[in-house]
């Protein structure tokens, strides 16, 4: 589930190795482009259920 889509995936939810994660695309060193690296933050089942209801 992608929440922010502008010149690629920005933020959203993904399953990583079977576990729900929030992802956020990192910016390049100059801060003007999206890099190909993402920060992953584990989320619990309650938050996943709330997010998928939207």
PDB file of N, CA and C in Angstrom:
ATOM      1  N   UNK A   1       0.856  -1.156   0.000  1.00  0.00           N
ATOM      2  CA  UNK A   1       0.000   0.000   0.000  1.00  0.00           C
ATOM      3  C   UNK A   1       0.912   1.231   0.000  1.00  0.00           C
ATOM      4  N   UNK A   2       0.817   2.030  -1.038  1.00  0.00           N
ATOM      5  CA  UNK A   2       1.632   3.246  -1.150  1.00  0.00           C
ATOM      6  C   UNK A   2       0.764   4.438  -0.794  1.00  0.00           C
ATOM      7  N   UNK A   3       1.269   5.288   0.101  1.00  0.00           N
ATOM      8  CA  UNK A   3       0.521   6.481   0.508  1.00  0.00           C
ATOM      9  C   UNK A   3       0.974   7.717  -0.242  1.00  0.00           C
ATOM     10  N   UNK A   4       2.249   7.829  -0.477  1.00  0.00           N
ATOM     11  CA  UNK A   4       2.822   9.030  -1.083  1.00  0.00           C
ATOM     12  C   UNK A   4       3.542   8.615  -2.351  1.00  0.00           C
ATOM     13  N   UNK A   5       3.053   9.077  -3.491  1.00  0.00           N
ATOM     14  CA  UNK A   5       3.619   8.683  -4.769  1.00  0.00           C
ATOM     15  C   UNK A   5       3.935   9.930  -5.567  1.00  0.00           C
ATOM     16  N   UNK A   6       5.216  10.243  -5.684  1.00  0.00           N
ATOM     17  CA  UNK A   6       5.658  11.387  -6.475  1.00  0.00           C
ATOM     18  C   UNK A   6       7.045  11.043  -6.991  1.00  0.00           C
ATOM     19  N   UNK A   7       7.170  10.815  -8.282  1.00  0.00           N
ATOM     20  CA  UNK A   7       8.435  10.368  -8.872  1.00  0.00           C
ATOM     21  C   UNK A   7       8.941   9.094  -8.207  1.00  0.00           C
ATOM     22  N   UNK A   8       8.041   8.218  -7.840  1.00  0.00           N
ATOM     23  CA  UNK A   8       8.402   6.959  -7.198  1.00  0.00           C
ATOM     24  C   UNK A   8       7.676   6.812  -5.879  1.00  0.00           C
ATOM     25  N   UNK A   9       7.904   5.682  -5.234  1.00  0.00           N
ATOM     26  CA  UNK A   9       7.246   5.419  -3.949  1.00  0.00           C
ATOM     27  C   UNK A   9       7.883   6.285  -2.869  1.00  0.00           C
ATOM     28  N   UNK A  10       7.055   6.969  -2.091  1.00  0.00           N
ATOM     29  CA  UNK A  10       7.555   7.814  -1.019  1.00  0.00           C
ATOM     30  C   UNK A  10       7.373   7.184   0.348  1.00  0.00           C
ATOM     31  N   UNK A  11       6.119   6.908   0.712  1.00  0.00           N
ATOM     32  CA  UNK A  11       5.814   6.286   1.999  1.00  0.00           C
ATOM     33  C   UNK A  11       4.682   5.295   1.816  1.00  0.00           C
ATOM     34  N   UNK A  12       4.564   4.384   2.771  1.00  0.00           N
ATOM     35  CA  UNK A  12       3.475   3.425   2.718  1.00  0.00           C
ATOM     36  C   UNK A  12       3.731   2.235   3.616  1.00  0.00           C
ATOM     37  N   UNK A  13       3.015   1.159   3.340  1.00  0.00           N
ATOM     38  CA  UNK A  13       3.157  -0.074   4.103  1.00  0.00           C
ATOM     39  C   UNK A  13       3.605  -1.183   3.170  1.00  0.00           C
ATOM     40  N   UNK A  14       4.430  -2.076   3.707  1.00  0.00           N
ATOM     41  CA  UNK A  14       4.907  -3.210   2.928  1.00  0.00           C
ATOM     42  C   UNK A  14       5.085  -4.406   3.851  1.00  0.00           C
ATOM     43  N   UNK A  15       5.072  -5.581   3.259  1.00  0.00           N
ATOM     44  CA  UNK A  15       5.382  -6.800   3.992  1.00  0.00           C
ATOM     45  C   UNK A  15       6.835  -7.151   3.689  1.00  0.00           C
ATOM     46  N   UNK A  16       7.656  -7.205   4.728  1.00  0.00           N
ATOM     47  CA  UNK A  16       9.065  -7.536   4.571  1.00  0.00           C
ATOM     48  C   UNK A  16       9.323  -8.808   5.370  1.00  0.00           C
ATOM     49  N   UNK A  17       9.641  -9.878   4.663  1.00  0.00           N
ATOM     50  CA  UNK A  17       9.842 -11.186   5.285  1.00  0.00           C
ATOM     51  C   UNK A  17       8.625 -11.603   6.114  1.00  0.00           C
ATOM     52  N   UNK A  18       7.448 -11.248   5.600  1.00  0.00           N
ATOM     53  CA  UNK A  18       6.201 -11.642   6.236  1.00  0.00           C
ATOM     54  C   UNK A  18       5.755 -10.750   7.388  1.00  0.00           C
ATOM     55  N   UNK A  19       6.497  -9.681   7.679  1.00  0.00           N
ATOM     56  CA  UNK A  19       6.142  -8.772   8.777  1.00  0.00           C
ATOM     57  C   UNK A  19       5.743  -7.407   8.221  1.00  0.00           C
ATOM     58  N   UNK A  20       4.666  -6.809   8.748  1.00  0.00           N
ATOM     59  CA  UNK A  20       4.245  -5.500   8.256  1.00  0.00           C
ATOM     60  C   UNK A  20       5.224  -4.412   8.679  1.00  0.00           C
ATOM     61  N   UNK A  21       5.543  -3.545   7.728  1.00  0.00           N
ATOM     62  CA  UNK A  21       6.496  -2.455   7.954  1.00  0.00           C
ATOM     63  C   UNK A  21       5.956  -1.167   7.335  1.00  0.00           C
ATOM     64  N   UNK A  22       6.233  -0.034   7.986  1.00  0.00           N
ATOM     65  CA  UNK A  22       6.027   1.286   7.385  1.00  0.00           C
ATOM     66  C   UNK A  22       7.319   1.614   6.668  1.00  0.00           C
ATOM     67  N   UNK A  23       7.251   2.095   5.430  1.00  0.00           N
ATOM     68  CA  UNK A  23       8.472   2.478   4.728  1.00  0.00           C
ATOM     69  C   UNK A  23       8.434   3.942   4.339  1.00  0.00           C
ATOM     70  N   UNK A  24       9.614   4.540   4.307  1.00  0.00           N
ATOM     71  CA  UNK A  24       9.773   5.924   3.866  1.00  0.00           C
ATOM     72  C   UNK A  24      11.027   6.009   3.020  1.00  0.00           C
ATOM     73  N   UNK A  25      10.884   6.524   1.814  1.00  0.00           N
ATOM     74  CA  UNK A  25      12.017   6.673   0.913  1.00  0.00           C
ATOM     75  C   UNK A  25      12.923   7.798   1.410  1.00  0.00           C
ATOM     76  N   UNK A  26      14.215   7.558   1.349  1.00  0.00           N
ATOM     77  CA  UNK A  26      15.184   8.557   1.783  1.00  0.00           C
ATOM     78  C   UNK A  26      15.489   9.525   0.644  1.00  0.00           C
ATOM     79  N   UNK A  27      15.873  10.729   0.989  1.00  0.00           N
ATOM     80  CA  UNK A  27      16.269  11.719  -0.009  1.00  0.00           C
ATOM     81  C   UNK A  27      17.766  11.598  -0.273  1.00  0.00           C
ATOM     82  N   UNK A  28      18.213  12.096  -1.425  1.00  0.00           N
ATOM     83  CA  UNK A  28      19.637  12.097  -1.741  1.00  0.00           C
ATOM     84  C   UNK A  28      20.349  13.086  -0.821  1.00  0.00           C
ATOM     85  N   UNK A  29      21.664  13.066  -0.846  1.00  0.00           N
ATOM     86  CA  UNK A  29      22.460  13.942   0.019  1.00  0.00           C
ATOM     87  C   UNK A  29      22.097  15.415  -0.194  1.00  0.00           C
ATOM     88  N   UNK A  30      21.784  15.800  -1.431  1.00  0.00           N
ATOM     89  CA  UNK A  30      21.400  17.178  -1.720  1.00  0.00           C
ATOM     90  C   UNK A  30      19.973  17.491  -1.308  1.00  0.00           C
ATOM     91  N   UNK A  31      19.189  16.457  -1.016  1.00  0.00           N
ATOM     92  CA  UNK A  31      17.816  16.648  -0.575  1.00  0.00           C
ATOM     93  C   UNK A  31      16.837  17.017  -1.668  1.00  0.00           C
ATOM     94  N   UNK A  32      17.262  16.857  -2.936  1.00  0.00           N
ATOM     95  CA  UNK A  32      16.371  17.266  -4.020  1.00  0.00           C
ATOM     96  C   UNK A  32      15.822  16.107  -4.845  1.00  0.00           C
ATOM     97  N   UNK A  33      16.241  14.886  -4.550  1.00  0.00           N
ATOM     98  CA  UNK A  33      15.749  13.720  -5.265  1.00  0.00           C
ATOM     99  C   UNK A  33      15.577  12.564  -4.288  1.00  0.00           C
ATOM    100  N   UNK A  34      14.709  11.632  -4.661  1.00  0.00           N
ATOM    101  CA  UNK A  34      14.557  10.420  -3.854  1.00  0.00           C
ATOM    102  C   UNK A  34      15.685   9.454  -4.169  1.00  0.00           C
ATOM    103  N   UNK A  35      16.263   8.866  -3.149  1.00  0.00           N
ATOM    104  CA  UNK A  35      17.284   7.835  -3.312  1.00  0.00           C
ATOM    105  C   UNK A  35      16.600   6.487  -3.489  1.00  0.00           C
ATOM    106  N   UNK A  36      17.371   5.459  -3.653  1.00  0.00           N
ATOM    107  CA  UNK A  36      16.821   4.113  -3.779  1.00  0.00           C
ATOM    108  C   UNK A  36      16.846   3.374  -2.442  1.00  0.00           C
ATOM    109  N   UNK A  37      16.967   4.109  -1.347  1.00  0.00           N
ATOM    110  CA  UNK A  37      17.034   3.525  -0.012  1.00  0.00           C
ATOM    111  C   UNK A  37      15.785   3.886   0.779  1.00  0.00           C
ATOM    112  N   UNK A  38      15.330   2.944   1.599  1.00  0.00           N
ATOM    113  CA  UNK A  38      14.131   3.137   2.386  1.00  0.00           C
ATOM    114  C   UNK A  38      14.410   2.884   3.857  1.00  0.00           C
ATOM    115  N   UNK A  39      13.754   3.646   4.717  1.00  0.00           N
ATOM    116  CA  UNK A  39      13.758   3.375   6.146  1.00  0.00           C
ATOM    117  C   UNK A  39      12.551   2.497   6.431  1.00  0.00           C
ATOM    118  N   UNK A  40      12.763   1.404   7.160  1.00  0.00           N
ATOM    119  CA  UNK A  40      11.678   0.497   7.513  1.00  0.00           C
ATOM    120  C   UNK A  40      11.433   0.579   9.013  1.00  0.00           C
ATOM    121  N   UNK A  41      10.161   0.664   9.387  1.00  0.00           N
ATOM    122  CA  UNK A  41       9.764   0.685  10.793  1.00  0.00           C
ATOM    123  C   UNK A  41       8.688  -0.372  11.002  1.00  0.00           C
ATOM    124  N   UNK A  42       8.949  -1.344  11.887  1.00  0.00           N
ATOM    125  CA  UNK A  42       7.931  -2.368  12.141  1.00  0.00           C
ATOM    126  C   UNK A  42       6.656  -1.744  12.715  1.00  0.00           C
ATOM    127  N   UNK A  43       5.506  -2.287  12.319  1.00  0.00           N
ATOM    128  CA  UNK A  43       4.239  -1.841  12.878  1.00  0.00           C
ATOM    129  C   UNK A  43       3.507  -3.055  13.444  1.00  0.00           C
ATOM    130  N   UNK A  44       2.603  -2.795  14.373  1.00  0.00           N
ATOM    131  CA  UNK A  44       1.866  -3.913  14.979  1.00  0.00           C
ATOM    132  C   UNK A  44       0.568  -4.168  14.214  1.00  0.00           C
ATOM    133  N   UNK A  45      -0.088  -5.256  14.572  1.00  0.00           N
ATOM    134  CA  UNK A  45      -1.308  -5.669  13.878  1.00  0.00           C
ATOM    135  C   UNK A  45      -2.428  -4.643  14.011  1.00  0.00           C
ATOM    136  N   UNK A  46      -2.491  -3.951  15.152  1.00  0.00           N
ATOM    137  CA  UNK A  46      -3.534  -2.942  15.355  1.00  0.00           C
ATOM    138  C   UNK A  46      -3.369  -1.781  14.378  1.00  0.00           C
ATOM    139  N   UNK A  47      -2.160  -1.285  14.245  1.00  0.00           N
ATOM    140  CA  UNK A  47      -1.907  -0.182  13.323  1.00  0.00           C
ATOM    141  C   UNK A  47      -2.129  -0.626  11.879  1.00  0.00           C
ATOM    142  N   UNK A  48      -1.729  -1.844  11.553  1.00  0.00           N
ATOM    143  CA  UNK A  48      -1.947  -2.361  10.201  1.00  0.00           C
ATOM    144  C   UNK A  48      -3.439  -2.422   9.889  1.00  0.00           C
ATOM    145  N   UNK A  49      -4.235  -2.887  10.836  1.00  0.00           N
ATOM    146  CA  UNK A  49      -5.687  -2.964  10.628  1.00  0.00           C
ATOM    147  C   UNK A  49      -6.288  -1.576  10.429  1.00  0.00           C
ATOM    148  N   UNK A  50      -5.865  -0.602  11.221  1.00  0.00           N
ATOM    149  CA  UNK A  50      -6.368   0.765  11.069  1.00  0.00           C
ATOM    150  C   UNK A  50      -5.973   1.359   9.726  1.00  0.00           C
ATOM    151  N   UNK A  51      -4.761   1.121   9.322  1.00  0.00           N
ATOM    152  CA  UNK A  51      -4.268   1.689   8.060  1.00  0.00           C
ATOM    153  C   UNK A  51      -4.984   1.085   6.857  1.00  0.00           C
ATOM    154  N   UNK A  52      -5.280  -0.189   6.895  1.00  0.00           N
ATOM    155  CA  UNK A  52      -5.922  -0.818   5.758  1.00  0.00           C
ATOM    156  C   UNK A  52      -7.417  -0.530   5.681  1.00  0.00           C
ATOM    157  N   UNK A  53      -8.015   0.023   6.737  1.00  0.00           N
ATOM    158  CA  UNK A  53      -9.423   0.412   6.705  1.00  0.00           C
ATOM    159  C   UNK A  53      -9.652   1.651   5.872  1.00  0.00           C
ATOM    160  N   UNK A  54      -8.636   2.479   5.703  1.00  0.00           N
ATOM    161  CA  UNK A  54      -8.794   3.750   4.986  1.00  0.00           C
ATOM    162  C   UNK A  54      -9.085   3.539   3.539  1.00  0.00           C
TER     163      UNK A  54
END
